[in-house]
Protein backbone atom coordinates (compact mmCIF):
# COMPACT_ATOMS: atom_id res chain seq x y z
CA MET A 1 -0.22 -0.05 0.09
CA THR A 2 1.21 3.59 -0.57
CA PRO A 3 2.14 5.65 2.63
CA ASN A 4 -0.72 7.62 3.97
CA ALA A 5 1.17 10.40 5.63
CA ALA A 6 -0.72 12.69 8.06
CA SER A 7 -1.13 15.80 6.28
CA ALA A 8 -3.31 18.82 6.19
CA PRO A 9 -1.53 21.08 4.04
CA SER A 10 -3.82 24.02 3.81
CA GLY A 11 -7.07 22.74 5.35
CA PRO A 12 -9.26 22.59 2.31
CA SER A 13 -10.54 25.15 0.18
CA ARG A 14 -12.79 23.94 -2.48
CA ARG A 15 -9.82 23.11 -4.85
CA THR A 16 -7.78 21.59 -1.93
CA PHE A 17 -10.36 19.35 -0.66
CA LEU A 18 -11.36 18.07 -4.06
CA ALA A 19 -7.99 17.60 -4.90
CA SER A 20 -7.06 15.56 -1.68
CA THR A 21 -10.15 13.10 -2.10
CA ALA A 22 -9.26 12.72 -5.58
CA VAL A 23 -12.51 14.11 -6.64
CA ALA A 24 -12.85 16.43 -9.77
CA THR A 25 -16.08 17.09 -9.80
CA ALA A 26 -33.49 23.95 -4.19
CA ALA A 27 -34.68 26.50 -2.72
CA VAL A 28 -34.18 26.86 1.12
CA ALA A 29 -36.72 28.48 3.56
CA GLY A 30 -35.30 31.88 4.17
CA GLY A 31 -35.12 33.67 7.58
CA MET A 32 -33.52 37.33 8.04
CA PRO A 33 -31.04 38.23 5.50
CA LEU A 34 -27.34 36.36 6.32
CA LEU A 35 -24.87 38.40 8.14
CA ALA A 36 -27.30 41.57 8.45
CA ALA A 37 -26.69 42.38 12.02
CA CYS A 38 -23.04 42.65 11.06
CA GLY A 39 -23.04 44.30 7.83
CA ALA A 40 -24.70 46.03 4.93
CA SER A 41 -27.63 44.57 3.50
CA ASP A 42 -29.28 45.37 0.41
CA SER A 43 -33.23 46.30 0.65
CA GLY A 44 -33.92 42.83 1.81
CA SER A 45 -32.05 40.78 -0.65
CA GLY A 46 -29.63 39.43 1.75
CA GLY A 47 -25.63 39.45 1.98
CA GLY A 48 -23.17 41.11 4.36
CA SER A 49 -19.83 40.55 6.23
CA SER A 50 -18.55 38.84 9.39
CA ALA A 51 -16.44 42.19 10.04
CA GLY A 52 -18.98 44.40 11.85
CA LYS A 53 -17.47 46.53 14.62
CA GLY A 54 -19.07 44.33 17.09
CA ALA A 55 -17.08 41.32 15.85
CA GLN A 56 -14.17 41.16 17.82
CA LYS A 57 -16.12 40.25 21.37
CA LEU A 58 -17.68 37.28 19.42
CA LEU A 59 -14.37 35.60 18.88
CA PRO A 60 -12.78 32.81 20.88
CA ALA A 61 -9.81 33.82 22.91
CA TYR A 62 -6.65 32.71 21.19
CA VAL A 63 -4.49 30.25 23.52
CA ALA A 64 -1.60 28.59 21.61
CA GLY A 65 -1.42 24.93 22.38
CA SER A 66 1.22 23.51 24.30
CA VAL A 67 0.91 19.79 24.05
CA VAL A 68 3.00 19.38 21.01
CA THR A 69 5.85 21.55 19.52
CA PRO A 70 6.23 21.49 15.86
CA ASP A 71 9.35 20.77 14.03
CA ILE A 72 8.95 24.03 11.63
CA PRO A 73 6.66 26.64 13.23
CA SER A 74 4.31 28.89 11.18
CA LYS A 75 6.02 32.10 9.77
CA ASN A 76 4.44 34.39 7.05
CA GLY A 77 1.21 32.54 7.32
CA SER A 78 2.57 29.02 6.71
CA ALA A 79 1.28 25.78 7.96
CA ILE A 80 3.19 24.30 10.81
CA GLY A 81 5.51 21.47 9.78
CA PHE A 82 6.56 18.03 11.32
CA THR A 83 9.80 16.35 9.94
CA GLY A 84 10.35 13.50 12.50
CA LYS A 85 9.40 9.56 12.20
CA LEU A 86 6.05 9.00 14.10
CA ASP A 87 6.67 7.07 17.39
CA LEU A 88 3.09 5.93 18.84
CA ALA A 89 4.80 5.24 22.14
CA THR A 90 5.31 9.09 22.65
CA LEU A 91 2.14 10.41 21.29
CA LYS A 92 0.85 13.06 23.70
CA THR A 93 -2.71 13.43 25.02
CA SER A 94 -4.47 16.37 24.24
CA VAL A 95 -7.79 15.50 25.94
CA PRO A 96 -7.24 13.90 29.40
CA LYS A 97 -10.82 13.12 30.17
CA LYS A 98 -13.95 12.52 28.04
CA LEU A 99 -15.91 15.60 27.57
CA GLY A 100 -18.70 13.78 25.90
CA LYS A 101 -21.84 12.75 28.19
CA GLY A 102 -22.64 9.85 26.35
CA GLY A 103 -25.71 11.54 24.15
CA LYS A 104 -26.35 11.13 20.56
CA VAL A 105 -25.52 13.60 17.93
CA THR A 106 -26.53 13.39 14.27
CA VAL A 107 -24.23 14.62 11.57
CA MET A 108 -24.98 15.45 8.03
CA ALA A 109 -21.72 16.02 5.91
CA PRO A 110 -20.79 15.94 2.36
CA PHE A 111 -18.97 12.65 1.27
CA TRP A 112 -17.06 11.67 -1.78
CA GLY A 113 -16.59 8.08 -2.67
CA SER A 114 -18.90 5.23 -1.17
CA PRO A 115 -19.52 5.76 2.79
CA PRO A 116 -19.03 3.29 5.32
CA LYS A 117 -21.85 1.81 7.34
CA GLN A 118 -22.43 3.39 10.55
CA ASP A 119 -21.12 0.26 12.41
CA ASN A 120 -17.48 0.14 11.73
CA PRO A 121 -14.18 -0.03 13.92
CA TYR A 122 -13.42 3.45 12.93
CA TYR A 123 -16.47 5.37 14.21
CA ASP A 124 -16.94 2.99 17.07
CA ALA A 125 -13.36 3.96 18.48
CA MET A 126 -14.02 7.41 17.90
CA ASN A 127 -17.45 7.60 19.61
CA ASP A 128 -15.81 5.76 22.45
CA MET A 129 -12.75 7.79 22.70
CA ILE A 130 -14.83 11.26 22.90
CA GLY A 131 -18.00 10.00 24.72
CA VAL A 132 -20.49 10.77 22.39
CA ASP A 133 -22.56 8.50 19.94
CA VAL A 134 -21.98 10.34 16.56
CA GLN A 135 -24.51 9.04 13.79
CA TRP A 136 -23.39 9.97 10.29
CA GLN A 137 -25.83 11.08 7.57
CA ASN A 138 -23.30 11.08 4.64
CA GLN A 139 -24.53 12.67 1.46
CA ASP A 140 -23.08 12.60 -2.03
CA GLY A 141 -20.53 15.79 -2.06
CA ASN A 142 -21.23 16.31 -5.93
CA THR A 143 -24.82 16.88 -5.16
CA TYR A 144 -24.74 18.47 -1.97
CA ASP A 145 -26.24 21.77 -2.56
CA GLN A 146 -29.57 19.92 -3.54
CA LYS A 147 -29.56 17.84 -0.25
CA LEU A 148 -28.89 21.04 1.73
CA GLY A 149 -31.65 22.78 0.10
CA ALA A 150 -34.22 20.19 0.94
CA VAL A 151 -32.80 19.44 4.28
CA LEU A 152 -32.62 23.26 5.49
CA ALA A 153 -36.18 23.60 3.99
CA SER A 154 -37.61 20.91 6.14
CA SER A 155 -38.15 20.93 9.80
CA ASP A 156 -36.13 17.63 10.35
CA VAL A 157 -32.46 19.30 10.49
CA PRO A 158 -29.71 16.88 11.94
CA ASP A 159 -28.05 18.19 15.27
CA VAL A 160 -25.06 19.22 12.96
CA VAL A 161 -24.77 20.07 9.63
CA VAL A 162 -21.32 20.45 7.63
CA ILE A 163 -21.39 23.30 5.06
CA PRO A 164 -18.61 24.24 2.69
CA ASN A 165 -18.09 27.87 1.61
CA TRP A 166 -18.92 26.60 -2.04
CA ASN A 167 -22.47 25.49 -1.20
CA MET A 168 -23.36 28.82 0.61
CA GLY A 169 -24.71 30.29 -2.56
CA GLY A 170 -28.23 31.47 -2.74
CA LYS A 171 -30.81 30.75 -0.16
CA ILE A 172 -28.64 28.19 1.52
CA ALA A 173 -26.59 30.80 2.85
CA THR A 174 -29.61 32.97 4.09
CA ALA A 175 -30.99 29.81 5.72
CA ILE A 176 -27.87 29.61 8.11
CA ILE A 177 -28.89 32.26 10.81
CA SER A 178 -32.42 30.78 10.89
CA LYS A 179 -31.50 27.37 11.36
CA PHE A 180 -28.22 26.94 13.31
CA ALA A 181 -27.22 27.90 16.88
CA ASP A 182 -25.48 30.56 18.40
CA LEU A 183 -21.89 29.16 19.66
CA GLY A 184 -20.97 32.14 21.48
CA PRO A 185 -22.31 31.51 25.14
CA TYR A 186 -20.01 28.37 24.93
CA LEU A 187 -16.78 29.77 22.82
CA SER A 188 -16.73 33.45 22.92
CA GLY A 189 -13.70 35.10 24.56
CA ASP A 190 -12.36 32.87 27.61
CA ARG A 191 -15.13 30.68 27.44
CA VAL A 192 -13.30 28.63 24.78
CA LYS A 193 -10.65 27.62 27.42
CA ASP A 194 -13.06 24.70 28.20
CA TYR A 195 -12.00 23.29 25.13
CA PRO A 196 -8.17 23.93 24.48
CA ASN A 197 -8.04 22.46 21.35
CA LEU A 198 -10.36 24.87 19.93
CA ALA A 199 -8.75 27.79 21.75
CA ALA A 200 -5.78 26.92 19.61
CA ILE A 201 -7.29 27.45 16.32
CA PRO A 202 -6.17 30.72 14.79
CA THR A 203 -8.44 33.70 15.09
CA ASP A 204 -8.66 34.41 11.53
CA ALA A 205 -10.28 31.17 11.05
CA TRP A 206 -13.00 31.98 13.76
CA ARG A 207 -13.76 35.38 11.97
CA ARG A 208 -15.07 33.35 9.12
CA CYS A 209 -17.51 31.79 11.47
CA ILE A 210 -19.63 34.78 12.30
CA PHE A 211 -23.28 34.89 10.71
CA GLY A 212 -25.83 37.16 11.51
CA GLY A 213 -23.84 38.74 14.26
CA LYS A 214 -23.27 35.59 15.97
CA LEU A 215 -20.59 33.03 16.01
CA ARG A 216 -22.11 30.24 14.37
CA GLY A 217 -19.48 27.75 12.79
CA LEU A 218 -16.67 25.57 13.77
CA PRO A 219 -13.87 25.93 11.28
CA MET A 220 -11.63 23.78 9.16
CA PRO A 221 -8.49 26.32 9.23
CA SER A 222 -6.34 27.02 6.30
CA SER A 223 -2.95 28.53 5.67
CA TYR A 224 -3.80 31.91 4.06
CA VAL A 225 -0.49 31.46 1.89
CA THR A 226 -1.65 30.46 -1.70
CA ASN A 227 -2.10 26.80 -2.06
CA ILE A 228 -1.29 26.74 -5.68
CA VAL A 229 2.07 25.58 -6.41
CA PRO A 230 4.07 25.45 -9.94
CA LEU A 231 4.93 21.76 -9.54
CA TYR A 232 7.80 20.48 -11.74
CA ARG A 233 9.97 17.53 -12.69
CA LYS A 234 13.11 18.35 -10.81
CA ASP A 235 14.88 15.19 -11.75
CA ILE A 236 14.44 15.76 -15.19
CA PHE A 237 15.33 19.34 -14.83
CA ASP A 238 18.53 18.14 -13.21
CA LYS A 239 19.17 15.67 -15.78
CA GLU A 240 18.72 18.14 -18.70
CA GLY A 241 20.61 21.42 -17.01
CA TYR A 242 16.79 23.33 -17.05
CA GLU A 243 17.28 26.29 -14.79
CA VAL A 244 13.97 27.31 -12.88
CA PRO A 245 12.83 30.37 -14.62
CA ARG A 246 12.54 33.78 -12.87
CA SER A 247 10.30 35.75 -15.26
CA ALA A 248 7.37 35.48 -17.64
CA VAL A 249 10.02 35.58 -20.51
CA GLU A 250 12.37 33.27 -18.96
CA PHE A 251 9.39 30.79 -18.85
CA LEU A 252 8.25 30.77 -22.36
CA SER A 253 11.85 30.43 -23.69
CA LEU A 254 12.44 27.45 -21.41
CA ALA A 255 8.87 26.21 -22.29
CA LYS A 256 9.87 26.17 -25.73
CA GLU A 257 13.35 24.50 -25.26
CA ILE A 258 11.83 21.81 -23.54
CA THR A 259 9.09 20.91 -25.99
CA ASN A 260 9.24 18.33 -28.63
CA ALA A 261 5.76 17.20 -29.95
CA LYS A 262 7.44 14.51 -32.04
CA ALA A 263 8.90 12.88 -28.79
CA LYS A 264 5.52 13.38 -26.87
CA ARG A 265 7.20 15.93 -24.50
CA TRP A 266 5.78 19.48 -23.79
CA ALA A 267 6.71 22.00 -21.11
CA CYS A 268 3.54 22.36 -19.08
CA MET A 269 -0.02 22.04 -18.54
CA ASP A 270 -2.53 25.12 -18.26
CA MET A 271 -0.49 27.62 -16.38
CA LYS A 272 -3.23 30.12 -15.88
CA TRP A 273 -3.13 29.80 -12.03
CA THR A 274 0.49 30.61 -12.12
CA ALA A 275 -0.24 33.76 -14.31
CA TRP A 276 -2.67 34.87 -11.67
CA GLN A 277 0.32 34.85 -9.18
CA MET A 278 2.91 36.15 -11.46
CA PHE A 279 1.03 39.07 -12.34
CA SER A 280 -0.46 40.00 -8.91
CA VAL A 281 -3.96 39.03 -9.98
CA LEU A 282 -6.59 39.38 -6.97
CA SER A 283 -7.59 36.05 -5.69
CA GLY A 284 -11.08 34.52 -7.42
CA SER A 285 -11.28 31.32 -5.79
CA GLU A 286 -13.90 32.15 -3.16
CA LYS A 287 -15.93 35.23 -2.37
CA PRO A 288 -15.41 38.07 -2.03
CA LEU A 289 -14.38 37.57 -5.47
CA GLY A 290 -11.25 39.75 -6.37
CA TRP A 291 -12.38 43.04 -4.82
CA ASN A 292 -9.91 45.44 -3.12
CA LEU A 293 -9.23 49.02 -2.65
CA VAL A 294 -6.68 50.47 -5.16
CA ASP A 295 -5.67 54.11 -4.84
CA GLY A 296 -8.79 54.89 -2.91
CA LYS A 297 -11.24 53.06 -5.43
CA LEU A 298 -12.77 49.96 -5.23
CA VAL A 299 -11.86 47.46 -8.13
CA ASN A 300 -12.49 44.14 -9.27
CA ARG A 301 -9.83 41.85 -10.35
CA ILE A 302 -11.44 41.56 -13.96
CA GLU A 303 -11.21 45.42 -14.35
CA THR A 304 -7.34 45.39 -13.76
CA ASP A 305 -4.53 45.55 -16.26
CA GLU A 306 -2.85 42.71 -14.51
CA TYR A 307 -5.57 40.33 -15.18
CA LEU A 308 -5.60 40.84 -18.81
CA GLU A 309 -1.83 40.62 -18.80
CA ALA A 310 -1.99 37.39 -17.36
CA LEU A 311 -4.27 35.88 -19.82
CA GLU A 312 -2.42 37.25 -22.62
CA TRP A 313 0.80 35.53 -21.12
CA THR A 314 -1.01 32.23 -20.76
CA ARG A 315 -2.31 32.48 -24.44
CA LYS A 316 1.06 32.87 -25.60
CA LEU A 317 1.98 29.74 -24.16
CA PHE A 318 -0.80 27.81 -25.80
CA ALA A 319 0.28 29.60 -29.21
CA ALA A 320 3.53 28.56 -28.83
CA GLY A 321 2.59 25.10 -28.65
CA VAL A 322 4.28 24.25 -25.45
CA VAL A 323 1.35 23.33 -23.33
CA HIS A 324 0.23 19.52 -23.63
CA PRO A 325 -2.78 19.11 -25.83
CA ASP A 326 -4.94 17.62 -22.92
CA ALA A 327 -5.06 20.81 -21.50
CA MET A 328 -6.28 22.59 -24.85
CA LEU A 329 -9.22 19.82 -24.57
CA GLY A 330 -9.84 20.86 -21.17
CA LYS A 331 -8.40 17.97 -19.36
CA ASN A 332 -5.91 19.37 -16.60
CA ALA A 333 -3.27 18.36 -13.97
CA PRO A 334 -5.73 16.40 -11.37
CA ASP A 335 -6.14 13.74 -14.00
CA ALA A 336 -2.54 13.83 -15.50
CA GLY A 337 -0.40 11.94 -13.14
CA PRO A 338 0.46 9.26 -15.36
CA LYS A 339 1.63 11.45 -18.09
CA PHE A 340 3.48 13.86 -15.73
CA ALA A 341 5.10 10.75 -14.54
CA ALA A 342 6.01 9.72 -17.85
CA GLY A 343 7.63 12.83 -18.43
CA GLU A 344 4.84 13.92 -21.27
CA PHE A 345 4.88 17.51 -19.29
CA LEU A 346 7.20 18.74 -16.75
CA ILE A 347 5.24 21.59 -15.07
CA TYR A 348 2.16 22.10 -13.78
CA PRO A 349 0.26 24.39 -11.13
CA ASN A 350 -1.85 22.62 -8.65
CA ASP A 351 -2.81 21.96 -4.99
CA ILE A 352 0.42 21.70 -2.52
CA SER A 353 -1.29 18.43 -1.47
CA GLN A 354 -0.09 16.93 -4.76
CA TRP A 355 3.76 17.60 -4.05
CA TRP A 356 3.61 14.68 -1.51
CA SER A 357 0.88 12.82 -3.31
CA ARG A 358 2.74 12.33 -6.62
CA THR A 359 5.94 11.59 -4.80
CA ALA A 360 4.08 8.74 -2.74
CA GLU A 361 2.69 7.37 -5.88
CA GLN A 362 5.84 6.91 -7.67
CA ALA A 363 8.19 6.25 -4.69
CA THR A 364 8.31 2.39 -5.44
CA GLN A 365 8.20 2.10 -9.11
CA ASN A 366 10.20 5.12 -10.06
CA PRO A 367 12.97 5.84 -7.53
CA ASP A 368 14.68 8.31 -9.82
CA TYR A 369 11.22 10.48 -9.79
CA LYS A 370 11.38 13.95 -8.17
CA ILE A 371 8.50 16.39 -8.15
CA TRP A 372 9.24 19.82 -6.51
CA GLY A 373 7.76 23.27 -6.27
CA MET A 374 9.12 26.38 -8.08
CA ASP A 375 9.04 29.52 -6.19
CA VAL A 376 6.36 32.08 -7.52
CA TYR A 377 8.12 34.96 -9.37
CA GLY A 378 7.04 38.28 -10.51
CA HIS A 379 6.39 38.49 -14.15
CA ASP A 380 9.11 40.97 -14.84
CA GLY A 381 11.73 38.85 -12.79
CA GLY A 382 11.01 41.08 -9.49
CA ASP A 383 9.48 39.97 -6.27
CA PRO A 384 6.03 38.72 -6.54
CA GLN A 385 2.97 40.09 -4.65
CA VAL A 386 0.83 37.12 -4.01
CA TRP A 387 -2.69 37.72 -2.46
CA ALA A 388 -3.87 35.95 0.59
CA GLU A 389 -6.64 33.15 0.31
CA GLN A 390 -9.36 32.79 2.89
CA PRO A 391 -8.37 31.30 6.16
CA ALA A 392 -11.09 28.53 6.56
CA GLY A 393 -13.48 27.19 3.92
CA ILE A 394 -15.50 24.16 5.37
CA PHE A 395 -17.70 24.77 8.62
CA ALA A 396 -19.96 22.62 10.79
CA PHE A 397 -23.25 24.25 12.29
CA VAL A 398 -25.13 23.12 15.21
CA ASN A 399 -29.02 22.82 15.10
CA LYS A 400 -30.72 26.12 16.86
CA LYS A 401 -33.03 23.79 18.21
CA ALA A 402 -30.32 21.68 20.00
CA SER A 403 -30.36 21.31 23.71
CA GLU A 404 -27.34 22.46 25.81
CA SER A 405 -26.32 18.95 26.58
CA VAL A 406 -26.25 18.39 22.55
CA VAL A 407 -24.35 21.50 21.93
CA ARG A 408 -21.80 20.33 24.59
CA ASP A 409 -21.34 16.98 23.28
CA VAL A 410 -20.96 18.45 19.69
CA LEU A 411 -17.97 20.58 21.25
CA ALA A 412 -16.70 17.59 22.88
CA VAL A 413 -16.35 15.89 19.23
CA ALA A 414 -14.97 19.18 17.81
CA ASN A 415 -12.12 19.72 20.79
CA THR A 416 -10.92 15.94 19.91
CA THR A 417 -10.82 16.54 16.01
CA ALA A 418 -9.10 19.83 16.62
CA ALA A 419 -6.31 17.82 18.32
CA PRO A 420 -2.73 18.84 16.81
CA TYR A 421 -0.38 16.20 14.97
CA GLY A 422 1.54 14.15 17.43
CA THR A 423 -1.33 13.37 19.88
CA LYS A 424 -3.17 10.31 20.35
CA GLU A 425 -6.63 12.15 19.19
CA TYR A 426 -5.18 13.10 15.94
CA MET A 427 -3.84 9.74 15.00
CA ALA A 428 -7.27 8.32 16.17
CA THR A 429 -9.23 11.03 14.03
CA ASN A 430 -6.89 10.99 10.92
CA TYR A 431 -5.73 7.21 10.66
CA GLY A 432 -8.31 5.12 13.11
CA VAL A 433 -7.35 1.98 14.79
CA GLU A 434 -3.89 0.60 14.89
CA GLY A 435 -3.68 -2.87 13.15
CA THR A 436 -7.27 -2.33 11.66
CA HIS A 437 -6.94 0.89 9.62
CA TYR A 438 -3.21 1.43 9.69
CA THR A 439 0.26 -0.09 10.66
CA VAL A 440 3.39 1.32 11.42
CA LYS A 441 6.81 0.77 10.32
CA ASP A 442 10.19 2.63 10.71
CA GLY A 443 8.01 5.53 12.15
CA VAL A 444 5.89 5.56 9.14
CA PRO A 445 2.13 5.25 9.27
CA THR A 446 0.43 3.46 6.48
CA LYS A 447 -3.25 2.82 5.85
CA THR A 448 -5.07 -0.50 5.07
CA THR A 449 -7.42 -1.01 2.47
CA ARG A 450 -9.85 -0.79 5.43
CA GLY A 451 -8.60 2.42 6.78
CA ASN A 452 -8.59 3.95 3.11
CA ASN A 453 -12.44 2.80 2.97
CA GLU A 454 -13.42 3.89 6.48
CA VAL A 455 -11.29 6.88 7.61
CA ILE A 456 -12.07 9.28 5.13
CA ASN A 457 -14.60 12.66 4.81
CA ALA A 458 -15.71 12.35 8.52
CA TYR A 459 -14.69 13.47 11.88
CA VAL A 460 -12.21 16.05 10.43
CA MET A 461 -14.79 18.07 9.36
CA ILE A 462 -16.48 18.80 12.65
CA ALA A 463 -13.32 21.11 13.52
CA SER A 464 -9.50 20.55 12.88
CA PRO A 465 -6.33 22.11 14.03
CA ALA A 466 -4.27 24.73 12.58
CA ALA A 467 -2.82 23.98 8.87
CA THR A 468 -0.40 21.23 9.16
CA ILE A 469 2.03 19.46 7.10
CA ALA A 470 3.65 16.23 8.11
CA HIS A 471 4.99 13.38 6.23
CA PRO A 472 6.91 10.82 8.06
CA ASP A 473 7.68 8.84 4.90
CA PHE A 474 8.90 11.74 2.92
CA PRO A 475 10.03 14.50 5.68
CA ASP A 476 12.01 16.49 3.05
CA VAL A 477 9.07 16.94 1.06
CA ALA A 478 7.12 18.20 4.40
CA LYS A 479 9.91 20.65 4.85
CA ALA A 480 10.16 22.12 1.38
CA GLN A 481 6.13 22.58 1.52
CA VAL A 482 6.35 24.63 4.76
CA GLU A 483 9.58 26.41 3.63
CA TRP A 484 7.80 27.18 0.31
CA GLN A 485 4.61 28.72 2.11
CA GLN A 486 6.92 30.72 4.29
CA ARG A 487 8.79 32.35 1.14
CA MET A 488 5.72 33.03 -0.34
CA GLY A 489 3.92 33.98 2.60
CA SER A 490 6.53 37.14 2.91
CA PHE A 491 5.40 38.22 -0.56
CA THR A 492 1.58 37.72 0.31
CA ARG A 493 -0.74 40.73 0.88
CA LYS A 494 -4.22 40.55 2.30
CA SER A 495 -7.22 42.26 0.37
CA SER A 496 -9.53 44.80 1.72
CA PHE A 497 -11.90 41.65 2.46
CA PHE A 498 -9.33 39.25 3.96
CA GLY A 499 -10.82 36.70 6.36
CA GLN A 500 -14.61 38.07 6.26
CA MET A 501 -17.01 35.65 5.57
CA ILE A 502 -18.81 37.47 2.79
CA ILE A 503 -22.38 36.43 1.34
CA GLU A 504 -23.37 38.76 -1.66
CA PRO A 505 -26.99 39.70 -2.28
CA SER A 506 -28.67 36.86 -4.05
CA ARG A 507 -29.55 38.88 -7.45
CA TYR A 508 -25.56 38.98 -7.95
CA THR A 509 -24.88 35.35 -7.35
CA ASN A 510 -24.72 34.44 -11.09
CA LEU A 511 -23.03 37.70 -12.57
CA MET A 512 -19.66 36.29 -13.01
CA ASP A 513 -20.48 32.59 -13.96
CA ASP A 514 -19.35 33.00 -17.42
CA PHE A 515 -16.01 34.57 -16.98
CA GLU A 516 -13.90 31.19 -16.20
CA THR A 517 -15.15 29.93 -19.63
CA LEU A 518 -14.31 33.25 -21.17
CA GLU A 519 -10.90 32.88 -19.69
CA ASP A 520 -10.28 29.52 -21.01
CA ASP A 521 -11.55 30.29 -24.39
CA ILE A 522 -9.10 33.44 -24.78
CA THR A 523 -6.35 31.59 -23.55
CA ARG A 524 -6.92 28.92 -26.08
CA GLY A 525 -7.24 31.29 -28.88
CA ARG A 526 -10.95 30.90 -29.27
CA LYS A 527 -11.65 34.30 -28.36
CA LYS A 528 -9.61 37.66 -27.85
CA ILE A 529 -8.85 39.93 -25.16
CA SER A 530 -11.09 42.63 -26.42
CA ASP A 531 -13.80 39.97 -26.13
CA MET A 532 -12.84 39.89 -22.13
CA GLN A 533 -13.09 43.92 -22.05
CA GLN A 534 -16.48 43.66 -23.79
CA ALA A 535 -17.67 41.15 -21.19
CA VAL A 536 -16.11 43.67 -18.31
CA ALA A 537 -18.22 46.20 -19.85
CA GLU A 538 -21.35 44.45 -19.80
CA TRP A 539 -20.76 42.91 -16.16
CA LYS A 540 -20.51 46.75 -15.03
CA SER A 541 -24.02 47.53 -16.66
CA LYS A 542 -25.73 44.36 -15.66
CA GLY A 543 -24.85 44.89 -11.78
CA GLY A 544 -21.04 44.88 -11.43
CA ASP A 545 -21.15 48.83 -10.96
CA LYS A 546 -24.22 48.10 -8.30
CA LEU A 547 -22.12 45.30 -6.52
CA ARG A 548 -19.13 47.65 -6.27
CA ASP A 549 -21.47 50.22 -4.48
CA TRP A 550 -22.43 47.23 -1.86
CA TYR A 551 -18.99 46.23 -1.21
CA GLN A 552 -18.01 49.97 -0.85
CA LYS A 553 -20.87 50.13 1.87
CA LEU A 554 -19.39 47.08 3.60
CA LEU A 555 -15.93 48.87 3.50
CA ASP A 556 -17.51 52.15 4.87
CA ASP A 557 -19.19 50.07 7.82
CA ASN A 558 -16.37 47.83 8.90
CA GLY A 559 -13.00 49.06 7.56
CA SER A 560 -10.57 47.28 5.64
CA SER A 561 -8.72 43.90 6.41
CA ALA A 562 -5.63 44.79 3.96
CA SER A 563 -2.35 44.60 4.91
């Protein structure tokens, strides 16, 4: 079996979560406008921000954990890192006594794959350790929107509902405030100290949990440093004498040198995600979608010269024939592992988790194989300016009708699942039962077939520790991943809305739906840059300018998060 090293490289954003689980791919009863008590509303159409002036008092006090000391501390927004072997005999205990009172808690969560039966050794062991009978209602993650809609519109809402940020569109978002409990009486300020592992979750992640002027969510924290790395075949680079390029011009020149279509070798896959970084394009992966205050004016990423320049550079790569033909057809890196291993292309941008997973895939069959991460560089060869991502993207909510005993049991679960790497609770949450779900040899845990089938998509989504990277089987990769984040973090800037949970008024929900398709059409030569300029003009007239005014009111009311 391939080793399954413990890793939470940047606590899943949508792209991170889907990549790590190998997955690429209705109306809700309303309630009051989401977040309205904490920011702007829009004539009853919903929307708002978690950054209201009273938000600070809602946040749990931060108390750094002291049970385990990482080998590499967080720096510049990076994950923490562990580079040593795993010794089960020296694992720490972060939850010295059961906090659960033996109650039953039902949890609905998205699941990718075939969910295990409720009665399995992993669930049983976790429930016994916590002292809570957690009953899972797993739902297909690919159609989770529809299931959320039906459940939240009904009167039969489970005790806990996990909602990723990407499922908060439309009326699902507005239902959160009417359906879920205020956790402030249990967690705000010093109250969180009853749950030490929750107290060690970074404040930025908790800020994303404020809805309707109340602390309602339990977070899965992320590093705010970009999780998209330009990954490359270092072994082939070293053999051929290729040097990592330090500018957009150097990249194109090297790409032409690498490419030999007759020999079935191309330089790269679609490099659009790296282009955003090189040209300092505002992040557009999660709301707020690319808004920032620039020279006193609120602008969207699609209105900037940098956005067009990044598209033009990516178009040049396609036009030069240096991009693998699969990318022209819309097939990209998540499905391209075998071709990357075969050397059909040497560079692709993807989630940082693939740095380890691709390494582990090839470890036994291709010992010379070495994947590594390029530093992001400015397009002109200077230092880059990279934009921060949001510090949490998946949340668990507790039913507003839940009794205090149920809420306490849920928090007991969360305090266990948020235990740090190097603890018994972390191993139980992420690996299951030794001998049944995993074995350890030479300090490296390896999941069994049963472990791969049962210890997935579950307890980690109730709450998780601060972003952590640890690969006992490949400690050099773990070290390199954290150091990459630290270097990129030194060039990372926070936008005006960093860390805020933004829910736009529902009438703007689909305003930008067609832009990604147009981006891909332009980079592949099917459309022109002028088509994007026309689309931006239409976006402004169809609601973009009004949406700008809405965001401006958020800034006026709540101030900027920029740094």
